[in-house]
Amino acid sequence: MARPRSEDRRNAIIAAATHVIANHGLAAPTALIAKEAGVSNGSLFTYFGTKADLLNQLYVELKTEMAATALDGVLVDQDVRDQMASMWRGWLGWATADPEKRRTLAQLAVSDEITRSSRDVGNRAMAEVSAILERSRETGPMRAAPFGLVVGLMNAAADATVDFIVHDPANVEAHSQAGFEAMWRMIA
């Protein structure tokens, strides 16, 4: 008889996959993820039928967590600039608190293993982030640009800001504010 699944083991596999992918890439074997999680390779497949299933679930969880953290503290009655600033700080906090999650999500985002269905779930998790971004650009220079381009530019500014924060943590506030101001002038 099969052992019942444990939420702790599942979470250990997700955490191990995040660590292994961040450090070894998407081609890392499941045996390495299982070893890192402290489970057998067979146990990993009890929780996730295939490696692709694991990657898709990890993508959805990281995307959902990132969105929730970015939106934490955003107030409905704030003007859009303040909402963007709050969202920016939340996202930077998520990205700098656990750089492995950021690196893993970046790799998963460009992986052919991530299904349309998982991408749709990730997009739904990011819906309010997207809505705030759309409101931010309504009258700005990027109002007619494709939304994907706007997102790409915002992500580039955020990535550069995170890199500076990681390498110069003594100036977190200055880098965060400078990055936000550059991004805001670009889109709003």
N, C-alpha and C. Protein backbone atom coordinates (compact mmCIF):
# COMPACT_ATOMS: atom_id res chain seq x y z
N MET A 1 0.83 -1.17 0.00
CA MET A 1 0.00 0.00 0.00
C MET A 1 0.89 1.26 0.00
N ALA A 2 0.54 2.21 -0.84
CA ALA A 2 1.33 3.44 -0.96
C ALA A 2 1.14 4.31 0.28
N ARG A 3 2.23 4.94 0.67
CA ARG A 3 2.20 5.86 1.79
C ARG A 3 1.43 7.13 1.42
N PRO A 4 0.68 7.70 2.36
CA PRO A 4 -0.01 8.95 2.03
C PRO A 4 1.00 10.07 1.78
N ARG A 5 0.63 10.96 0.89
CA ARG A 5 1.51 12.07 0.57
C ARG A 5 1.60 13.04 1.75
N SER A 6 2.77 13.59 1.93
CA SER A 6 3.02 14.54 3.00
C SER A 6 3.22 15.93 2.40
N GLU A 7 2.52 16.92 2.93
CA GLU A 7 2.69 18.30 2.46
C GLU A 7 4.12 18.78 2.73
N ASP A 8 4.71 18.32 3.84
CA ASP A 8 6.09 18.69 4.16
C ASP A 8 7.06 18.16 3.11
N ARG A 9 6.86 16.91 2.68
CA ARG A 9 7.74 16.34 1.64
C ARG A 9 7.56 17.06 0.31
N ARG A 10 6.31 17.33 -0.02
CA ARG A 10 6.04 18.06 -1.26
C ARG A 10 6.73 19.43 -1.24
N ASN A 11 6.60 20.13 -0.13
CA ASN A 11 7.25 21.44 0.00
C ASN A 11 8.76 21.33 -0.04
N ALA A 12 9.30 20.25 0.52
CA ALA A 12 10.75 20.03 0.47
C ALA A 12 11.20 19.82 -0.97
N ILE A 13 10.40 19.11 -1.75
CA ILE A 13 10.74 18.88 -3.17
C ILE A 13 10.70 20.20 -3.93
N ILE A 14 9.68 21.01 -3.69
CA ILE A 14 9.57 22.32 -4.35
C ILE A 14 10.77 23.20 -3.98
N ALA A 15 11.12 23.24 -2.70
CA ALA A 15 12.26 24.05 -2.26
C ALA A 15 13.56 23.52 -2.87
N ALA A 16 13.71 22.21 -2.91
CA ALA A 16 14.92 21.62 -3.49
C ALA A 16 14.99 21.90 -4.98
N ALA A 17 13.87 21.81 -5.67
CA ALA A 17 13.85 22.09 -7.11
C ALA A 17 14.25 23.54 -7.36
N THR A 18 13.77 24.45 -6.54
CA THR A 18 14.13 25.86 -6.67
C THR A 18 15.64 26.03 -6.53
N HIS A 19 16.20 25.42 -5.51
CA HIS A 19 17.64 25.53 -5.25
C HIS A 19 18.46 24.89 -6.38
N VAL A 20 18.08 23.70 -6.76
CA VAL A 20 18.85 22.97 -7.78
C VAL A 20 18.77 23.67 -9.13
N ILE A 21 17.59 24.10 -9.53
CA ILE A 21 17.45 24.78 -10.83
C ILE A 21 18.20 26.10 -10.83
N ALA A 22 18.12 26.84 -9.74
CA ALA A 22 18.84 28.11 -9.66
C ALA A 22 20.34 27.92 -9.82
N ASN A 23 20.85 26.81 -9.32
CA ASN A 23 22.29 26.58 -9.32
C ASN A 23 22.81 25.67 -10.43
N HIS A 24 21.92 24.84 -11.01
CA HIS A 24 22.37 23.87 -12.02
C HIS A 24 21.58 23.95 -13.32
N GLY A 25 20.53 24.74 -13.34
CA GLY A 25 19.75 24.90 -14.55
C GLY A 25 18.64 23.86 -14.67
N LEU A 26 17.84 24.04 -15.70
CA LEU A 26 16.68 23.18 -15.92
C LEU A 26 17.04 21.75 -16.30
N ALA A 27 18.25 21.55 -16.79
CA ALA A 27 18.66 20.20 -17.18
C ALA A 27 19.10 19.35 -15.99
N ALA A 28 19.12 19.92 -14.80
CA ALA A 28 19.52 19.15 -13.61
C ALA A 28 18.62 17.93 -13.47
N PRO A 29 19.22 16.79 -13.13
CA PRO A 29 18.42 15.56 -13.02
C PRO A 29 17.51 15.57 -11.79
N THR A 30 16.39 14.87 -11.92
CA THR A 30 15.47 14.77 -10.79
C THR A 30 16.13 14.08 -9.60
N ALA A 31 17.09 13.21 -9.87
CA ALA A 31 17.78 12.53 -8.77
C ALA A 31 18.48 13.54 -7.86
N LEU A 32 19.02 14.60 -8.46
CA LEU A 32 19.68 15.65 -7.67
C LEU A 32 18.65 16.42 -6.84
N ILE A 33 17.49 16.70 -7.43
CA ILE A 33 16.43 17.38 -6.71
C ILE A 33 15.94 16.51 -5.55
N ALA A 34 15.73 15.23 -5.82
CA ALA A 34 15.28 14.30 -4.78
C ALA A 34 16.29 14.23 -3.64
N LYS A 35 17.57 14.12 -3.99
CA LYS A 35 18.61 14.05 -2.97
C LYS A 35 18.60 15.31 -2.11
N GLU A 36 18.50 16.47 -2.74
CA GLU A 36 18.46 17.75 -2.03
C GLU A 36 17.24 17.82 -1.11
N ALA A 37 16.13 17.21 -1.54
CA ALA A 37 14.89 17.23 -0.75
C ALA A 37 14.89 16.18 0.35
N GLY A 38 15.83 15.25 0.28
CA GLY A 38 15.88 14.18 1.27
C GLY A 38 14.85 13.09 1.04
N VAL A 39 14.49 12.91 -0.24
CA VAL A 39 13.54 11.84 -0.60
C VAL A 39 14.16 11.00 -1.70
N SER A 40 13.59 9.84 -1.93
CA SER A 40 14.08 9.01 -3.04
C SER A 40 13.55 9.58 -4.35
N ASN A 41 14.23 9.24 -5.44
CA ASN A 41 13.79 9.70 -6.75
C ASN A 41 12.38 9.19 -7.04
N GLY A 42 12.09 7.98 -6.61
CA GLY A 42 10.75 7.42 -6.78
C GLY A 42 9.70 8.22 -6.01
N SER A 43 10.06 8.67 -4.82
CA SER A 43 9.13 9.48 -4.04
C SER A 43 8.82 10.80 -4.73
N LEU A 44 9.82 11.37 -5.37
CA LEU A 44 9.59 12.61 -6.11
C LEU A 44 8.48 12.40 -7.13
N PHE A 45 8.51 11.27 -7.81
CA PHE A 45 7.50 10.98 -8.84
C PHE A 45 6.16 10.57 -8.25
N THR A 46 6.11 10.32 -6.95
CA THR A 46 4.82 10.12 -6.28
C THR A 46 4.09 11.46 -6.18
N TYR A 47 4.86 12.51 -5.99
CA TYR A 47 4.29 13.85 -5.84
C TYR A 47 4.09 14.56 -7.18
N PHE A 48 4.98 14.31 -8.09
CA PHE A 48 4.95 14.94 -9.41
C PHE A 48 5.18 13.83 -10.43
N GLY A 49 4.19 13.57 -11.27
CA GLY A 49 4.25 12.43 -12.19
C GLY A 49 5.44 12.44 -13.12
N THR A 50 5.85 13.63 -13.54
CA THR A 50 6.99 13.77 -14.44
C THR A 50 7.79 15.00 -14.02
N LYS A 51 8.97 15.11 -14.56
CA LYS A 51 9.77 16.30 -14.30
C LYS A 51 9.05 17.53 -14.83
N ALA A 52 8.39 17.40 -15.97
CA ALA A 52 7.63 18.53 -16.53
C ALA A 52 6.52 18.96 -15.57
N ASP A 53 5.87 17.99 -14.93
CA ASP A 53 4.83 18.33 -13.94
C ASP A 53 5.43 19.14 -12.79
N LEU A 54 6.59 18.72 -12.32
CA LEU A 54 7.28 19.44 -11.25
C LEU A 54 7.62 20.86 -11.70
N LEU A 55 8.17 20.99 -12.90
CA LEU A 55 8.55 22.32 -13.39
C LEU A 55 7.34 23.22 -13.54
N ASN A 56 6.24 22.69 -14.04
CA ASN A 56 5.03 23.49 -14.21
C ASN A 56 4.46 23.92 -12.87
N GLN A 57 4.43 23.02 -11.91
CA GLN A 57 3.91 23.38 -10.58
C GLN A 57 4.82 24.41 -9.92
N LEU A 58 6.11 24.25 -10.07
CA LEU A 58 7.06 25.21 -9.51
C LEU A 58 6.86 26.59 -10.14
N TYR A 59 6.69 26.63 -11.46
CA TYR A 59 6.44 27.89 -12.16
C TYR A 59 5.20 28.58 -11.60
N VAL A 60 4.11 27.85 -11.49
CA VAL A 60 2.86 28.42 -10.99
C VAL A 60 3.04 28.94 -9.57
N GLU A 61 3.68 28.16 -8.72
CA GLU A 61 3.86 28.58 -7.33
C GLU A 61 4.74 29.82 -7.21
N LEU A 62 5.83 29.86 -7.96
CA LEU A 62 6.71 31.03 -7.89
C LEU A 62 6.03 32.27 -8.45
N LYS A 63 5.34 32.12 -9.55
CA LYS A 63 4.64 33.25 -10.17
C LYS A 63 3.55 33.79 -9.23
N THR A 64 2.81 32.89 -8.61
CA THR A 64 1.76 33.27 -7.68
C THR A 64 2.33 33.96 -6.44
N GLU A 65 3.40 33.41 -5.91
CA GLU A 65 4.06 34.02 -4.74
C GLU A 65 4.60 35.40 -5.07
N MET A 66 5.24 35.52 -6.23
CA MET A 66 5.80 36.81 -6.64
C MET A 66 4.69 37.85 -6.75
N ALA A 67 3.58 37.50 -7.38
CA ALA A 67 2.48 38.44 -7.55
C ALA A 67 1.89 38.85 -6.20
N ALA A 68 1.67 37.88 -5.34
CA ALA A 68 1.09 38.17 -4.02
C ALA A 68 2.00 39.09 -3.22
N THR A 69 3.29 38.84 -3.28
CA THR A 69 4.23 39.67 -2.53
C THR A 69 4.30 41.08 -3.12
N ALA A 70 4.29 41.19 -4.44
CA ALA A 70 4.33 42.50 -5.08
C ALA A 70 3.09 43.32 -4.73
N LEU A 71 1.96 42.66 -4.61
CA LEU A 71 0.70 43.37 -4.34
C LEU A 71 0.43 43.62 -2.87
N ASP A 72 1.18 42.94 -2.00
CA ASP A 72 0.99 43.13 -0.57
C ASP A 72 1.30 44.58 -0.20
N GLY A 73 0.36 45.25 0.36
CA GLY A 73 0.55 46.65 0.74
C GLY A 73 0.06 47.65 -0.28
N VAL A 74 -0.35 47.19 -1.47
CA VAL A 74 -0.91 48.10 -2.46
C VAL A 74 -2.34 48.41 -2.02
N LEU A 75 -2.65 49.69 -1.88
CA LEU A 75 -3.97 50.11 -1.43
C LEU A 75 -4.84 50.52 -2.60
N VAL A 76 -6.10 50.13 -2.56
CA VAL A 76 -7.04 50.41 -3.63
C VAL A 76 -7.22 51.92 -3.82
N ASP A 77 -7.21 52.68 -2.73
CA ASP A 77 -7.48 54.12 -2.83
C ASP A 77 -6.24 54.96 -3.13
N GLN A 78 -5.10 54.34 -3.34
CA GLN A 78 -3.89 55.07 -3.71
C GLN A 78 -3.97 55.49 -5.17
N ASP A 79 -3.28 56.59 -5.52
CA ASP A 79 -3.20 56.91 -6.94
C ASP A 79 -2.27 55.89 -7.60
N VAL A 80 -2.33 55.82 -8.91
CA VAL A 80 -1.64 54.75 -9.63
C VAL A 80 -0.13 54.81 -9.44
N ARG A 81 0.45 56.01 -9.33
CA ARG A 81 1.90 56.11 -9.11
C ARG A 81 2.29 55.48 -7.78
N ASP A 82 1.50 55.76 -6.75
CA ASP A 82 1.78 55.18 -5.44
C ASP A 82 1.55 53.67 -5.45
N GLN A 83 0.54 53.20 -6.20
CA GLN A 83 0.34 51.77 -6.33
C GLN A 83 1.54 51.12 -7.01
N MET A 84 2.01 51.75 -8.09
CA MET A 84 3.19 51.20 -8.78
C MET A 84 4.41 51.20 -7.87
N ALA A 85 4.60 52.27 -7.11
CA ALA A 85 5.76 52.35 -6.20
C ALA A 85 5.68 51.26 -5.14
N SER A 86 4.49 51.04 -4.60
CA SER A 86 4.31 49.99 -3.59
C SER A 86 4.55 48.62 -4.21
N MET A 87 4.01 48.41 -5.40
CA MET A 87 4.20 47.14 -6.10
C MET A 87 5.69 46.93 -6.41
N TRP A 88 6.36 47.97 -6.86
CA TRP A 88 7.79 47.92 -7.17
C TRP A 88 8.58 47.48 -5.94
N ARG A 89 8.32 48.12 -4.80
CA ARG A 89 9.04 47.76 -3.56
C ARG A 89 8.76 46.31 -3.17
N GLY A 90 7.49 45.89 -3.31
CA GLY A 90 7.16 44.51 -2.99
C GLY A 90 7.88 43.52 -3.88
N TRP A 91 7.92 43.81 -5.18
CA TRP A 91 8.60 42.92 -6.10
C TRP A 91 10.10 42.87 -5.80
N LEU A 92 10.69 44.04 -5.57
CA LEU A 92 12.13 44.06 -5.25
C LEU A 92 12.41 43.28 -3.98
N GLY A 93 11.51 43.41 -3.00
CA GLY A 93 11.67 42.65 -1.76
C GLY A 93 11.63 41.15 -2.01
N TRP A 94 10.68 40.71 -2.86
CA TRP A 94 10.59 39.28 -3.19
C TRP A 94 11.86 38.81 -3.89
N ALA A 95 12.31 39.59 -4.85
CA ALA A 95 13.46 39.19 -5.67
C ALA A 95 14.77 39.18 -4.89
N THR A 96 14.90 40.07 -3.92
CA THR A 96 16.16 40.13 -3.15
C THR A 96 16.13 39.23 -1.92
N ALA A 97 14.93 38.90 -1.42
CA ALA A 97 14.84 38.05 -0.23
C ALA A 97 15.31 36.62 -0.52
N ASP A 98 15.05 36.15 -1.74
CA ASP A 98 15.45 34.80 -2.11
C ASP A 98 15.85 34.80 -3.59
N PRO A 99 17.09 35.20 -3.87
CA PRO A 99 17.54 35.30 -5.27
C PRO A 99 17.41 34.00 -6.05
N GLU A 100 17.43 32.85 -5.36
CA GLU A 100 17.27 31.58 -6.08
C GLU A 100 15.88 31.48 -6.71
N LYS A 101 14.87 31.99 -6.03
CA LYS A 101 13.53 31.96 -6.61
C LYS A 101 13.49 32.82 -7.87
N ARG A 102 14.11 33.96 -7.82
CA ARG A 102 14.15 34.86 -8.98
C ARG A 102 14.84 34.17 -10.16
N ARG A 103 16.01 33.56 -9.90
CA ARG A 103 16.75 32.88 -10.97
C ARG A 103 15.97 31.69 -11.53
N THR A 104 15.34 30.95 -10.65
CA THR A 104 14.57 29.79 -11.09
C THR A 104 13.38 30.22 -11.93
N LEU A 105 12.65 31.23 -11.48
CA LEU A 105 11.49 31.69 -12.24
C LEU A 105 11.92 32.23 -13.61
N ALA A 106 13.05 32.91 -13.66
CA ALA A 106 13.55 33.42 -14.95
C ALA A 106 13.82 32.27 -15.92
N GLN A 107 14.40 31.18 -15.42
CA GLN A 107 14.67 30.02 -16.29
C GLN A 107 13.38 29.33 -16.70
N LEU A 108 12.47 29.18 -15.77
CA LEU A 108 11.19 28.53 -16.08
C LEU A 108 10.38 29.34 -17.08
N ALA A 109 10.46 30.65 -16.99
CA ALA A 109 9.67 31.53 -17.86
C ALA A 109 10.01 31.35 -19.33
N VAL A 110 11.23 30.92 -19.62
CA VAL A 110 11.63 30.74 -21.02
C VAL A 110 11.72 29.27 -21.43
N SER A 111 11.26 28.40 -20.55
CA SER A 111 11.34 26.97 -20.81
C SER A 111 10.17 26.50 -21.68
N ASP A 112 10.48 25.64 -22.64
CA ASP A 112 9.44 25.01 -23.45
C ASP A 112 8.65 23.98 -22.65
N GLU A 113 9.12 23.60 -21.49
CA GLU A 113 8.42 22.63 -20.64
C GLU A 113 7.18 23.23 -19.98
N ILE A 114 7.13 24.54 -19.87
CA ILE A 114 6.00 25.18 -19.21
C ILE A 114 4.84 25.24 -20.19
N THR A 115 3.74 24.67 -19.79
CA THR A 115 2.58 24.53 -20.67
C THR A 115 1.79 25.83 -20.78
N ARG A 116 0.99 25.93 -21.81
CA ARG A 116 0.09 27.08 -21.98
C ARG A 116 -0.81 27.21 -20.77
N SER A 117 -1.29 26.08 -20.26
CA SER A 117 -2.17 26.08 -19.09
C SER A 117 -1.48 26.70 -17.88
N SER A 118 -0.23 26.31 -17.63
CA SER A 118 0.52 26.87 -16.50
C SER A 118 0.78 28.35 -16.72
N ARG A 119 1.09 28.73 -17.94
CA ARG A 119 1.30 30.16 -18.23
C ARG A 119 0.02 30.95 -18.00
N ASP A 120 -1.12 30.36 -18.35
CA ASP A 120 -2.40 31.03 -18.12
C ASP A 120 -2.66 31.21 -16.63
N VAL A 121 -2.36 30.20 -15.82
CA VAL A 121 -2.52 30.31 -14.37
C VAL A 121 -1.59 31.41 -13.84
N GLY A 122 -0.37 31.43 -14.32
CA GLY A 122 0.57 32.48 -13.92
C GLY A 122 0.09 33.86 -14.31
N ASN A 123 -0.47 33.98 -15.50
CA ASN A 123 -1.00 35.27 -15.96
C ASN A 123 -2.18 35.71 -15.10
N ARG A 124 -3.03 34.76 -14.71
CA ARG A 124 -4.16 35.12 -13.83
C ARG A 124 -3.64 35.58 -12.48
N ALA A 125 -2.60 34.96 -11.99
CA ALA A 125 -2.02 35.39 -10.71
C ALA A 125 -1.47 36.81 -10.82
N MET A 126 -1.02 37.16 -12.00
CA MET A 126 -0.43 38.50 -12.22
C MET A 126 -1.46 39.51 -12.73
N ALA A 127 -2.74 39.18 -12.74
CA ALA A 127 -3.77 40.04 -13.34
C ALA A 127 -3.81 41.43 -12.71
N GLU A 128 -3.77 41.52 -11.40
CA GLU A 128 -3.83 42.85 -10.76
C GLU A 128 -2.54 43.63 -11.00
N VAL A 129 -1.41 42.94 -11.03
CA VAL A 129 -0.15 43.60 -11.39
C VAL A 129 -0.27 44.20 -12.79
N SER A 130 -0.80 43.41 -13.71
CA SER A 130 -0.98 43.88 -15.09
C SER A 130 -1.95 45.05 -15.16
N ALA A 131 -3.01 45.00 -14.37
CA ALA A 131 -4.00 46.08 -14.37
C ALA A 131 -3.38 47.39 -13.89
N ILE A 132 -2.58 47.32 -12.85
CA ILE A 132 -1.90 48.52 -12.35
C ILE A 132 -0.93 49.05 -13.40
N LEU A 133 -0.21 48.16 -14.03
CA LEU A 133 0.73 48.57 -15.08
C LEU A 133 -0.02 49.21 -16.25
N GLU A 134 -1.15 48.64 -16.64
CA GLU A 134 -1.96 49.23 -17.72
C GLU A 134 -2.41 50.63 -17.36
N ARG A 135 -2.90 50.82 -16.11
CA ARG A 135 -3.33 52.16 -15.69
C ARG A 135 -2.16 53.13 -15.66
N SER A 136 -0.99 52.63 -15.35
CA SER A 136 0.19 53.48 -15.27
C SER A 136 0.59 54.05 -16.62
N ARG A 137 0.32 53.33 -17.67
CA ARG A 137 0.79 53.77 -18.99
C ARG A 137 -0.31 54.44 -19.82
N GLU A 138 -1.50 54.60 -19.27
CA GLU A 138 -2.64 55.13 -20.02
C GLU A 138 -2.36 56.44 -20.76
N THR A 139 -1.62 57.34 -20.13
CA THR A 139 -1.35 58.64 -20.76
C THR A 139 0.13 58.86 -21.03
N GLY A 140 0.93 57.84 -20.81
CA GLY A 140 2.38 57.98 -20.96
C GLY A 140 2.88 57.65 -22.35
N PRO A 141 4.18 57.75 -22.53
CA PRO A 141 4.77 57.52 -23.85
C PRO A 141 4.64 56.07 -24.33
N MET A 142 4.33 55.14 -23.45
CA MET A 142 4.22 53.73 -23.83
C MET A 142 2.76 53.30 -24.01
N ARG A 143 1.83 54.26 -24.04
CA ARG A 143 0.40 53.91 -24.11
C ARG A 143 0.04 53.09 -25.34
N ALA A 144 0.72 53.29 -26.45
CA ALA A 144 0.39 52.57 -27.69
C ALA A 144 1.32 51.38 -27.93
N ALA A 145 2.31 51.23 -27.11
CA ALA A 145 3.27 50.12 -27.29
C ALA A 145 2.61 48.80 -26.90
N PRO A 146 3.04 47.71 -27.50
CA PRO A 146 2.51 46.40 -27.08
C PRO A 146 2.77 46.17 -25.59
N PHE A 147 1.78 45.61 -24.92
CA PHE A 147 1.89 45.40 -23.48
C PHE A 147 3.12 44.57 -23.12
N GLY A 148 3.43 43.56 -23.93
CA GLY A 148 4.60 42.72 -23.67
C GLY A 148 5.90 43.52 -23.68
N LEU A 149 5.99 44.51 -24.54
CA LEU A 149 7.18 45.38 -24.57
C LEU A 149 7.27 46.18 -23.28
N VAL A 150 6.14 46.71 -22.83
CA VAL A 150 6.12 47.48 -21.58
C VAL A 150 6.56 46.60 -20.41
N VAL A 151 6.02 45.39 -20.35
CA VAL A 151 6.40 44.45 -19.29
C VAL A 151 7.89 44.14 -19.37
N GLY A 152 8.39 43.91 -20.57
CA GLY A 152 9.81 43.62 -20.75
C GLY A 152 10.70 44.76 -20.28
N LEU A 153 10.32 45.99 -20.62
CA LEU A 153 11.09 47.15 -20.18
C LEU A 153 11.05 47.31 -18.66
N MET A 154 9.86 47.11 -18.09
CA MET A 154 9.75 47.20 -16.63
C MET A 154 10.60 46.11 -15.97
N ASN A 155 10.55 44.90 -16.50
CA ASN A 155 11.35 43.81 -15.94
C ASN A 155 12.84 44.09 -16.06
N ALA A 156 13.25 44.68 -17.17
CA ALA A 156 14.67 45.01 -17.34
C ALA A 156 15.12 46.02 -16.30
N ALA A 157 14.28 47.04 -16.08
CA ALA A 157 14.61 48.04 -15.06
C ALA A 157 14.64 47.40 -13.68
N ALA A 158 13.69 46.53 -13.41
CA ALA A 158 13.64 45.85 -12.11
C ALA A 158 14.85 44.94 -11.93
N ASP A 159 15.20 44.18 -12.96
CA ASP A 159 16.36 43.29 -12.86
C ASP A 159 17.65 44.07 -12.61
N ALA A 160 17.82 45.17 -13.31
CA ALA A 160 19.02 46.00 -13.09
C ALA A 160 19.03 46.54 -11.66
N THR A 161 17.87 46.95 -11.18
CA THR A 161 17.78 47.47 -9.81
C THR A 161 18.11 46.39 -8.80
N VAL A 162 17.55 45.20 -8.99
CA VAL A 162 17.83 44.09 -8.07
C VAL A 162 19.33 43.77 -8.07
N ASP A 163 19.94 43.75 -9.24
CA ASP A 163 21.38 43.46 -9.30
C ASP A 163 22.18 44.49 -8.51
N PHE A 164 21.82 45.75 -8.60
CA PHE A 164 22.52 46.77 -7.84
C PHE A 164 22.28 46.60 -6.35
N ILE A 165 21.06 46.27 -5.96
CA ILE A 165 20.75 46.06 -4.54
C ILE A 165 21.54 44.89 -3.98
N VAL A 166 21.61 43.80 -4.75
CA VAL A 166 22.34 42.62 -4.29
C VAL A 166 23.82 42.93 -4.11
N HIS A 167 24.39 43.72 -5.01
CA HIS A 167 25.82 44.03 -4.94
C HIS A 167 26.16 45.23 -4.07
N ASP A 168 25.16 46.01 -3.70
CA ASP A 168 25.39 47.19 -2.86
C ASP A 168 24.23 47.34 -1.87
N PRO A 169 24.10 46.38 -0.94
CA PRO A 169 22.95 46.39 -0.03
C PRO A 169 22.90 47.59 0.91
N ALA A 170 24.00 48.28 1.06
CA ALA A 170 24.01 49.46 1.93
C ALA A 170 23.17 50.59 1.34
N ASN A 171 22.88 50.51 0.03
CA ASN A 171 22.14 51.58 -0.63
C ASN A 171 20.83 51.08 -1.25
N VAL A 172 20.17 50.19 -0.55
CA VAL A 172 18.92 49.61 -1.04
C VAL A 172 17.91 50.69 -1.41
N GLU A 173 17.67 51.60 -0.52
CA GLU A 173 16.64 52.63 -0.76
C GLU A 173 16.99 53.50 -1.95
N ALA A 174 18.24 53.91 -2.05
CA ALA A 174 18.66 54.77 -3.17
C ALA A 174 18.51 54.04 -4.50
N HIS A 175 18.94 52.79 -4.55
CA HIS A 175 18.82 52.02 -5.80
C HIS A 175 17.36 51.75 -6.13
N SER A 176 16.56 51.42 -5.12
CA SER A 176 15.15 51.15 -5.35
C SER A 176 14.45 52.39 -5.91
N GLN A 177 14.71 53.53 -5.31
CA GLN A 177 14.07 54.77 -5.75
C GLN A 177 14.54 55.17 -7.15
N ALA A 178 15.84 55.07 -7.41
CA ALA A 178 16.37 55.42 -8.73
C ALA A 178 15.79 54.51 -9.81
N GLY A 179 15.71 53.21 -9.52
CA GLY A 179 15.14 52.26 -10.47
C GLY A 179 13.67 52.55 -10.73
N PHE A 180 12.93 52.85 -9.65
CA PHE A 180 11.51 53.17 -9.83
C PHE A 180 11.33 54.42 -10.68
N GLU A 181 12.09 55.47 -10.37
CA GLU A 181 11.94 56.73 -11.12
C GLU A 181 12.25 56.52 -12.61
N ALA A 182 13.27 55.73 -12.91
CA ALA A 182 13.61 55.45 -14.31
C ALA A 182 12.48 54.68 -14.98
N MET A 183 11.98 53.66 -14.32
CA MET A 183 10.89 52.86 -14.87
C MET A 183 9.64 53.72 -15.04
N TRP A 184 9.32 54.53 -14.07
CA TRP A 184 8.12 55.37 -14.13
C TRP A 184 8.19 56.37 -15.31
N ARG A 185 9.35 57.00 -15.46
CA ARG A 185 9.50 57.95 -16.58
C ARG A 185 9.38 57.23 -17.91
N MET A 186 9.79 56.00 -17.94
CA MET A 186 9.75 55.23 -19.18
C MET A 186 8.31 54.88 -19.58
N ILE A 187 7.47 54.54 -18.61
CA ILE A 187 6.15 54.03 -18.98
C ILE A 187 5.00 54.99 -18.73
N ALA A 188 5.12 55.89 -17.77
CA ALA A 188 3.94 56.66 -17.34
C ALA A 188 3.86 58.05 -17.95
